[in-house]
Amino acid sequence: MTSGFGLVVRFTLRDAASAAAFDELVSRTLEGIRKYEEGTVAYLSHRVPDEPHTRVFYELYQDRAAFEAHEQQPHTRHFLAEREKFVTETEVTFLERVDGKV
């Protein structure tokens, strides 16, 4: 693997109904990621204990080009457009690997 490229995204969702709809949207999006994205090493969605309207994604790509390819996929473009119905705030932190085990 090359140096890798990652990000953490924290979403604050509007309410419980938005959280459920967002989780369903993520599940549908992951179908496309699993099927079409060889350069996506990890794409994980997490709930936060005691914060029912928060989701945190951890995304790891082989490199920046793999991330850019991910962003252009139809399933990702659909997710980016649709998520706005459910999200009140999005915080993105880009990551560069220093050390670790893969």
Protein backbone atom coordinates (compact mmCIF):
# COMPACT_ATOMS: atom_id res chain seq x y z
CA MET A 1 0.00 0.00 0.00
CA THR A 2 1.14 3.53 -0.66
CA SER A 3 1.23 6.18 2.05
CA GLY A 4 -2.56 6.16 2.39
CA PHE A 5 -5.05 8.98 2.71
CA GLY A 6 -7.74 9.18 5.35
CA LEU A 7 -10.37 11.30 6.93
CA VAL A 8 -12.75 11.38 9.85
CA VAL A 9 -16.17 12.95 9.32
CA ARG A 10 -18.50 13.83 12.18
CA PHE A 11 -22.18 14.35 11.34
CA THR A 12 -24.75 15.92 13.64
CA LEU A 13 -28.22 14.74 12.60
CA ARG A 14 -31.50 16.63 13.00
CA ASP A 15 -33.44 14.10 15.10
CA ALA A 16 -34.12 10.38 15.58
CA ALA A 17 -36.03 10.06 12.30
CA SER A 18 -33.17 11.76 10.45
CA ALA A 19 -30.67 9.42 12.12
CA ALA A 20 -32.60 6.36 10.94
CA ALA A 21 -32.93 7.70 7.40
CA PHE A 22 -29.25 8.68 7.34
CA ASP A 23 -28.23 5.17 8.44
CA GLU A 24 -30.31 3.69 5.61
CA LEU A 25 -28.71 6.08 3.10
CA VAL A 26 -25.27 5.03 4.35
CA SER A 27 -26.15 1.34 3.95
CA ARG A 28 -27.22 1.87 0.35
CA THR A 29 -24.07 3.91 -0.35
CA LEU A 30 -21.86 1.20 1.12
CA GLU A 31 -23.24 -1.29 -1.41
CA GLY A 32 -21.65 0.78 -4.18
CA ILE A 33 -18.43 1.33 -2.25
CA ARG A 34 -18.01 -2.41 -1.65
CA LYS A 35 -18.77 -3.26 -5.27
CA TYR A 36 -16.91 -0.56 -7.20
CA GLU A 37 -14.12 0.95 -5.08
CA GLU A 38 -10.95 -1.10 -4.97
CA GLY A 39 -8.98 1.90 -3.70
CA THR A 40 -11.19 2.31 -0.63
CA VAL A 41 -9.37 0.42 2.13
CA ALA A 42 -11.84 1.18 4.96
CA TYR A 43 -15.15 3.03 5.11
CA LEU A 44 -16.79 2.71 8.52
CA SER A 45 -19.81 4.41 10.02
CA HIS A 46 -20.01 4.64 13.83
CA ARG A 47 -22.66 5.63 16.34
CA VAL A 48 -21.47 7.61 19.34
CA PRO A 49 -22.61 6.29 22.74
CA ASP A 50 -24.89 8.78 24.50
CA GLU A 51 -25.10 10.95 21.35
CA PRO A 52 -27.95 9.37 19.35
CA HIS A 53 -27.90 12.08 16.68
CA THR A 54 -24.18 11.78 15.94
CA ARG A 55 -22.42 9.59 13.40
CA VAL A 56 -18.68 9.41 12.80
CA PHE A 57 -17.13 8.02 9.62
CA TYR A 58 -13.59 6.73 9.34
CA GLU A 59 -12.43 6.53 5.73
CA LEU A 60 -9.10 5.20 4.51
CA TYR A 61 -8.02 5.18 0.86
CA GLN A 62 -4.95 3.80 -0.86
CA ASP A 63 -4.02 7.34 -1.85
CA ARG A 64 -5.48 10.75 -2.66
CA ALA A 65 -6.39 9.60 -6.19
CA ALA A 66 -8.52 6.78 -4.73
CA PHE A 67 -10.33 9.31 -2.54
CA GLU A 68 -10.95 11.57 -5.53
CA ALA A 69 -12.27 8.58 -7.51
CA HIS A 70 -14.59 7.77 -4.58
CA GLU A 71 -15.95 11.32 -4.61
CA GLN A 72 -16.90 10.99 -8.31
CA GLN A 73 -18.82 7.69 -8.00
CA PRO A 74 -22.59 7.92 -8.64
CA HIS A 75 -23.40 6.33 -5.26
CA THR A 76 -21.18 8.87 -3.47
CA ARG A 77 -22.62 11.82 -5.40
CA HIS A 78 -26.11 10.62 -4.45
CA PHE A 79 -25.08 10.34 -0.78
CA LEU A 80 -23.57 13.84 -0.75
CA ALA A 81 -26.76 15.35 -2.19
CA GLU A 82 -29.22 13.39 -0.04
CA ARG A 83 -27.44 13.68 3.31
CA GLU A 84 -28.30 17.38 3.52
CA LYS A 85 -31.90 16.43 4.38
CA PHE A 86 -30.73 14.81 7.60
CA VAL A 87 -27.61 16.70 8.72
CA THR A 88 -27.33 19.97 10.65
CA GLU A 89 -23.52 20.01 10.90
CA THR A 90 -20.59 18.25 9.22
CA GLU A 91 -17.02 18.37 10.49
CA VAL A 92 -14.25 16.88 8.30
CA THR A 93 -10.70 16.15 9.45
CA PHE A 94 -8.22 14.97 6.80
CA LEU A 95 -5.48 12.60 7.96
CA GLU A 96 -1.97 11.73 6.83
CA ARG A 97 -0.49 8.51 8.17
CA VAL A 98 2.61 8.82 10.33
CA ASP A 99 2.97 5.19 11.45
CA GLY A 100 0.86 2.13 12.10
CA LYS A 101 -0.09 -1.37 11.03
CA VAL A 102 -2.25 -2.29 8.04
